[in-house]
PDB file of N, CA and C in Angstrom:
ATOM      1  N   UNK A   1      26.738  -1.381 -24.694  1.00  0.00           N
ATOM      2  CA  UNK A   1      25.347  -2.427 -24.734  1.00  0.00           C
ATOM      3  C   UNK A   1      24.341  -1.723 -24.289  1.00  0.00           C
ATOM      4  N   UNK A   2      23.381  -1.387 -24.874  1.00  0.00           N
ATOM      5  CA  UNK A   2      22.266  -1.125 -23.898  1.00  0.00           C
ATOM      6  C   UNK A   2      21.110  -1.895 -24.028  1.00  0.00           C
ATOM      7  N   UNK A   3      20.416  -2.259 -22.749  1.00  0.00           N
ATOM      8  CA  UNK A   3      19.621  -3.180 -22.291  1.00  0.00           C
ATOM      9  C   UNK A   3      18.468  -3.112 -22.759  1.00  0.00           C
ATOM     10  N   UNK A   4      17.406  -3.758 -22.834  1.00  0.00           N
ATOM     11  CA  UNK A   4      16.242  -4.102 -23.328  1.00  0.00           C
ATOM     12  C   UNK A   4      15.084  -3.059 -22.431  1.00  0.00           C
ATOM     13  N   UNK A   5      14.508  -2.210 -22.713  1.00  0.00           N
ATOM     14  CA  UNK A   5      13.749  -1.204 -21.899  1.00  0.00           C
ATOM     15  C   UNK A   5      12.358  -2.327 -21.036  1.00  0.00           C
ATOM     16  N   UNK A   6      12.516  -2.618 -20.211  1.00  0.00           N
ATOM     17  CA  UNK A   6      10.988  -3.145 -19.589  1.00  0.00           C
ATOM     18  C   UNK A   6       9.773  -2.154 -18.724  1.00  0.00           C
ATOM     19  N   UNK A   7       8.916  -1.951 -19.315  1.00  0.00           N
ATOM     20  CA  UNK A   7       8.275  -0.709 -18.575  1.00  0.00           C
ATOM     21  C   UNK A   7       7.470  -1.685 -17.393  1.00  0.00           C
ATOM     22  N   UNK A   8       6.780  -0.509 -16.200  1.00  0.00           N
ATOM     23  CA  UNK A   8       6.370  -1.029 -15.048  1.00  0.00           C
ATOM     24  C   UNK A   8       4.769  -1.823 -15.772  1.00  0.00           C
ATOM     25  N   UNK A   9       4.834  -3.236 -14.967  1.00  0.00           N
ATOM     26  CA  UNK A   9       3.693  -3.912 -15.371  1.00  0.00           C
ATOM     27  C   UNK A   9       3.111  -4.654 -14.394  1.00  0.00           C
ATOM     28  N   UNK A  10       1.991  -4.794 -13.568  1.00  0.00           N
ATOM     29  CA  UNK A  10       1.259  -5.572 -12.528  1.00  0.00           C
ATOM     30  C   UNK A  10       2.021  -7.066 -12.791  1.00  0.00           C
ATOM     31  N   UNK A  11       2.359  -7.984 -13.846  1.00  0.00           N
ATOM     32  CA  UNK A  11       2.824  -9.070 -13.802  1.00  0.00           C
ATOM     33  C   UNK A  11       3.931  -9.313 -13.970  1.00  0.00           C
ATOM     34  N   UNK A  12       5.088  -8.327 -14.210  1.00  0.00           N
ATOM     35  CA  UNK A  12       6.471  -8.683 -14.087  1.00  0.00           C
ATOM     36  C   UNK A  12       6.807  -8.482 -12.452  1.00  0.00           C
ATOM     37  N   UNK A  13       8.360  -8.489 -12.114  1.00  0.00           N
ATOM     38  CA  UNK A  13       8.656  -8.385 -10.984  1.00  0.00           C
ATOM     39  C   UNK A  13       9.804  -7.135 -11.029  1.00  0.00           C
ATOM     40  N   UNK A  14      10.331  -6.955 -11.930  1.00  0.00           N
ATOM     41  CA  UNK A  14      10.753  -5.898 -12.658  1.00  0.00           C
ATOM     42  C   UNK A  14      10.171  -5.107 -13.450  1.00  0.00           C
ATOM     43  N   UNK A  15      11.025  -3.597 -13.593  1.00  0.00           N
ATOM     44  CA  UNK A  15      10.792  -2.473 -14.530  1.00  0.00           C
ATOM     45  C   UNK A  15      11.858  -1.810 -14.761  1.00  0.00           C
ATOM     46  N   UNK A  16      12.461  -1.074 -15.502  1.00  0.00           N
ATOM     47  CA  UNK A  16      13.129   0.042 -15.581  1.00  0.00           C
ATOM     48  C   UNK A  16      12.219   0.868 -15.421  1.00  0.00           C
ATOM     49  N   UNK A  17      13.303   1.829 -14.365  1.00  0.00           N
ATOM     50  CA  UNK A  17      12.780   3.397 -14.498  1.00  0.00           C
ATOM     51  C   UNK A  17      12.220   3.928 -15.628  1.00  0.00           C
ATOM     52  N   UNK A  18      11.211   4.889 -15.383  1.00  0.00           N
ATOM     53  CA  UNK A  18      10.148   5.646 -16.356  1.00  0.00           C
ATOM     54  C   UNK A  18      11.024   7.265 -16.946  1.00  0.00           C
ATOM     55  N   UNK A  19      12.544   7.565 -16.171  1.00  0.00           N
ATOM     56  CA  UNK A  19      12.588   8.397 -16.074  1.00  0.00           C
ATOM     57  C   UNK A  19      13.839   8.237 -17.570  1.00  0.00           C
ATOM     58  N   UNK A  20      13.818   9.149 -18.780  1.00  0.00           N
ATOM     59  CA  UNK A  20      14.709   8.656 -19.482  1.00  0.00           C
ATOM     60  C   UNK A  20      16.141   8.462 -19.399  1.00  0.00           C
ATOM     61  N   UNK A  21      16.826   9.673 -18.649  1.00  0.00           N
ATOM     62  CA  UNK A  21      18.513   9.705 -18.023  1.00  0.00           C
ATOM     63  C   UNK A  21      18.296   9.008 -16.909  1.00  0.00           C
ATOM     64  N   UNK A  22      17.890   7.685 -16.390  1.00  0.00           N
ATOM     65  CA  UNK A  22      17.823   7.244 -15.269  1.00  0.00           C
ATOM     66  C   UNK A  22      18.294   5.409 -15.924  1.00  0.00           C
ATOM     67  N   UNK A  23      17.233   5.121 -16.392  1.00  0.00           N
ATOM     68  CA  UNK A  23      17.162   3.680 -17.309  1.00  0.00           C
ATOM     69  C   UNK A  23      17.294   2.533 -15.743  1.00  0.00           C
ATOM     70  N   UNK A  24      17.616   2.769 -14.750  1.00  0.00           N
ATOM     71  CA  UNK A  24      17.415   2.086 -13.690  1.00  0.00           C
ATOM     72  C   UNK A  24      16.587   0.900 -13.144  1.00  0.00           C
ATOM     73  N   UNK A  25      17.280  -0.729 -13.438  1.00  0.00           N
ATOM     74  CA  UNK A  25      16.147  -1.651 -12.726  1.00  0.00           C
ATOM     75  C   UNK A  25      15.751  -1.993 -12.116  1.00  0.00           C
ATOM     76  N   UNK A  26      13.883  -1.884 -11.661  1.00  0.00           N
ATOM     77  CA  UNK A  26      14.198  -1.945 -10.096  1.00  0.00           C
ATOM     78  C   UNK A  26      13.215  -3.207 -10.005  1.00  0.00           C
ATOM     79  N   UNK A  27      13.314  -3.866  -8.966  1.00  0.00           N
ATOM     80  CA  UNK A  27      12.107  -5.234  -8.394  1.00  0.00           C
ATOM     81  C   UNK A  27      10.923  -4.585  -8.054  1.00  0.00           C
ATOM     82  N   UNK A  28      10.254  -4.719  -7.742  1.00  0.00           N
ATOM     83  CA  UNK A  28       8.676  -4.833  -7.144  1.00  0.00           C
ATOM     84  C   UNK A  28       7.646  -5.843  -6.689  1.00  0.00           C
ATOM     85  N   UNK A  29       7.570  -5.661  -5.637  1.00  0.00           N
ATOM     86  CA  UNK A  29       6.590  -6.205  -5.356  1.00  0.00           C
ATOM     87  C   UNK A  29       5.118  -6.409  -4.940  1.00  0.00           C
ATOM     88  N   UNK A  30       3.949  -7.225  -5.260  1.00  0.00           N
ATOM     89  CA  UNK A  30       3.042  -7.055  -4.980  1.00  0.00           C
ATOM     90  C   UNK A  30       2.345  -7.628  -3.614  1.00  0.00           C
ATOM     91  N   UNK A  31       1.407  -7.368  -3.195  1.00  0.00           N
ATOM     92  CA  UNK A  31       1.006  -7.215  -1.750  1.00  0.00           C
ATOM     93  C   UNK A  31      -0.769  -7.709  -1.893  1.00  0.00           C
ATOM     94  N   UNK A  32      -1.368  -8.361  -1.618  1.00  0.00           N
ATOM     95  CA  UNK A  32      -2.957  -8.024  -1.330  1.00  0.00           C
ATOM     96  C   UNK A  32      -3.108  -7.487   0.363  1.00  0.00           C
ATOM     97  N   UNK A  33      -4.035  -6.501   0.322  1.00  0.00           N
ATOM     98  CA  UNK A  33      -4.495  -5.998   1.761  1.00  0.00           C
ATOM     99  C   UNK A  33      -5.726  -6.441   1.664  1.00  0.00           C
ATOM    100  N   UNK A  34      -6.096  -6.617   2.861  1.00  0.00           N
ATOM    101  CA  UNK A  34      -7.479  -7.175   3.759  1.00  0.00           C
ATOM    102  C   UNK A  34      -7.760  -5.854   5.087  1.00  0.00           C
ATOM    103  N   UNK A  35      -8.929  -5.549   4.616  1.00  0.00           N
ATOM    104  CA  UNK A  35      -9.606  -3.906   5.703  1.00  0.00           C
ATOM    105  C   UNK A  35     -10.631  -4.336   6.977  1.00  0.00           C
ATOM    106  N   UNK A  36     -10.998  -4.367   7.767  1.00  0.00           N
ATOM    107  CA  UNK A  36     -12.167  -4.904   8.405  1.00  0.00           C
ATOM    108  C   UNK A  36     -12.367  -3.308   8.922  1.00  0.00           C
ATOM    109  N   UNK A  37     -13.913  -3.572   9.086  1.00  0.00           N
ATOM    110  CA  UNK A  37     -14.480  -2.084   9.938  1.00  0.00           C
ATOM    111  C   UNK A  37     -13.994  -2.376  11.472  1.00  0.00           C
ATOM    112  N   UNK A  38     -13.785  -1.081  11.975  1.00  0.00           N
ATOM    113  CA  UNK A  38     -13.241  -0.705  13.168  1.00  0.00           C
ATOM    114  C   UNK A  38     -14.518   0.221  14.072  1.00  0.00           C
ATOM    115  N   UNK A  39     -14.930  -0.490  14.631  1.00  0.00           N
ATOM    116  CA  UNK A  39     -15.943   0.720  15.884  1.00  0.00           C
ATOM    117  C   UNK A  39     -15.537   1.902  16.110  1.00  0.00           C
ATOM    118  N   UNK A  40     -16.001   3.014  16.160  1.00  0.00           N
ATOM    119  CA  UNK A  40     -15.570   4.012  16.748  1.00  0.00           C
ATOM    120  C   UNK A  40     -15.144   3.785  18.586  1.00  0.00           C
ATOM    121  N   UNK A  41     -13.780   3.891  18.987  1.00  0.00           N
ATOM    122  CA  UNK A  41     -13.325   4.045  20.362  1.00  0.00           C
ATOM    123  C   UNK A  41     -13.065   2.683  20.617  1.00  0.00           C
ATOM    124  N   UNK A  42     -12.999   2.189  19.243  1.00  0.00           N
ATOM    125  CA  UNK A  42     -12.809   0.634  19.895  1.00  0.00           C
ATOM    126  C   UNK A  42     -11.004   0.462  19.428  1.00  0.00           C
ATOM    127  N   UNK A  43     -10.360  -0.515  19.603  1.00  0.00           N
ATOM    128  CA  UNK A  43      -8.412  -0.207  19.097  1.00  0.00           C
ATOM    129  C   UNK A  43      -8.639  -1.854  18.084  1.00  0.00           C
ATOM    130  N   UNK A  44      -7.558  -2.127  17.515  1.00  0.00           N
ATOM    131  CA  UNK A  44      -7.538  -3.327  16.535  1.00  0.00           C
ATOM    132  C   UNK A  44      -7.590  -4.416  17.579  1.00  0.00           C
ATOM    133  N   UNK A  45      -7.515  -4.689  18.603  1.00  0.00           N
ATOM    134  CA  UNK A  45      -8.005  -5.671  19.235  1.00  0.00           C
ATOM    135  C   UNK A  45      -9.585  -5.987  19.784  1.00  0.00           C
ATOM    136  N   UNK A  46     -10.372  -5.068  19.937  1.00  0.00           N
ATOM    137  CA  UNK A  46     -11.906  -4.335  20.272  1.00  0.00           C
ATOM    138  C   UNK A  46     -11.345  -4.448  21.647  1.00  0.00           C
ATOM    139  N   UNK A  47     -10.850  -3.713  22.486  1.00  0.00           N
ATOM    140  CA  UNK A  47     -10.930  -2.870  23.538  1.00  0.00           C
ATOM    141  C   UNK A  47     -11.528  -1.693  23.040  1.00  0.00           C
ATOM    142  N   UNK A  48     -12.256  -1.415  24.504  1.00  0.00           N
ATOM    143  CA  UNK A  48     -12.598   0.247  24.426  1.00  0.00           C
ATOM    144  C   UNK A  48     -11.527   0.884  24.646  1.00  0.00           C
ATOM    145  N   UNK A  49     -11.219   2.130  23.508  1.00  0.00           N
ATOM    146  CA  UNK A  49      -9.920   3.083  24.179  1.00  0.00           C
ATOM    147  C   UNK A  49     -10.453   3.698  25.156  1.00  0.00           C
ATOM    148  N   UNK A  50     -11.998   4.589  25.743  1.00  0.00           N
ATOM    149  CA  UNK A  50     -12.418   5.469  26.328  1.00  0.00           C
ATOM    150  C   UNK A  50     -12.186   6.269  26.156  1.00  0.00           C
ATOM    151  N   UNK A  51     -11.992   6.499  24.674  1.00  0.00           N
ATOM    152  CA  UNK A  51     -12.680   7.544  23.556  1.00  0.00           C
ATOM    153  C   UNK A  51     -13.845   8.391  23.488  1.00  0.00           C
ATOM    154  N   UNK A  52     -14.759   7.365  24.242  1.00  0.00           N
ATOM    155  CA  UNK A  52     -16.156   7.683  23.786  1.00  0.00           C
ATOM    156  C   UNK A  52     -16.914   7.217  22.936  1.00  0.00           C
ATOM    157  N   UNK A  53     -16.595   6.677  22.416  1.00  0.00           N
ATOM    158  CA  UNK A  53     -17.100   5.778  20.707  1.00  0.00           C
ATOM    159  C   UNK A  53     -18.805   5.692  21.436  1.00  0.00           C
ATOM    160  N   UNK A  54     -19.103   4.935  22.372  1.00  0.00           N
ATOM    161  CA  UNK A  54     -20.711   5.385  22.518  1.00  0.00           C
ATOM    162  C   UNK A  54     -21.640   6.474  22.829  1.00  0.00           C
ATOM    163  N   UNK A  55     -20.862   7.639  22.378  1.00  0.00           N
ATOM    164  CA  UNK A  55     -21.508   8.756  23.077  1.00  0.00           C
ATOM    165  C   UNK A  55     -21.607   9.649  21.691  1.00  0.00           C
ATOM    166  N   UNK A  56     -22.588  10.174  21.366  1.00  0.00           N
ATOM    167  CA  UNK A  56     -22.755  10.599  19.585  1.00  0.00           C
ATOM    168  C   UNK A  56     -22.951  12.465  19.904  1.00  0.00           C
ATOM    169  N   UNK A  57     -22.081  13.223  19.768  1.00  0.00           N
ATOM    170  CA  UNK A  57     -22.528  15.036  19.838  1.00  0.00           C
ATOM    171  C   UNK A  57     -23.672  15.082  18.873  1.00  0.00           C
ATOM    172  N   UNK A  58     -24.926  15.872  19.504  1.00  0.00           N
ATOM    173  CA  UNK A  58     -26.101  16.416  19.078  1.00  0.00           C
ATOM    174  C   UNK A  58     -25.855  18.205  19.392  1.00  0.00           C
TER     175      UNK A  58
END
């Protein structure tokens, strides 16, 4: 007995592998991401990394 094919979609929690010979059912997880601008020469905590972020090569 074959199961119903479930195509990948962002509103579902699982889908079938799109390869016709596989057919495996896979779970998918969706996350939102957030990014902030980082100044050159600073690490993620805002500390000076000593890489010369304040100087500009001319």
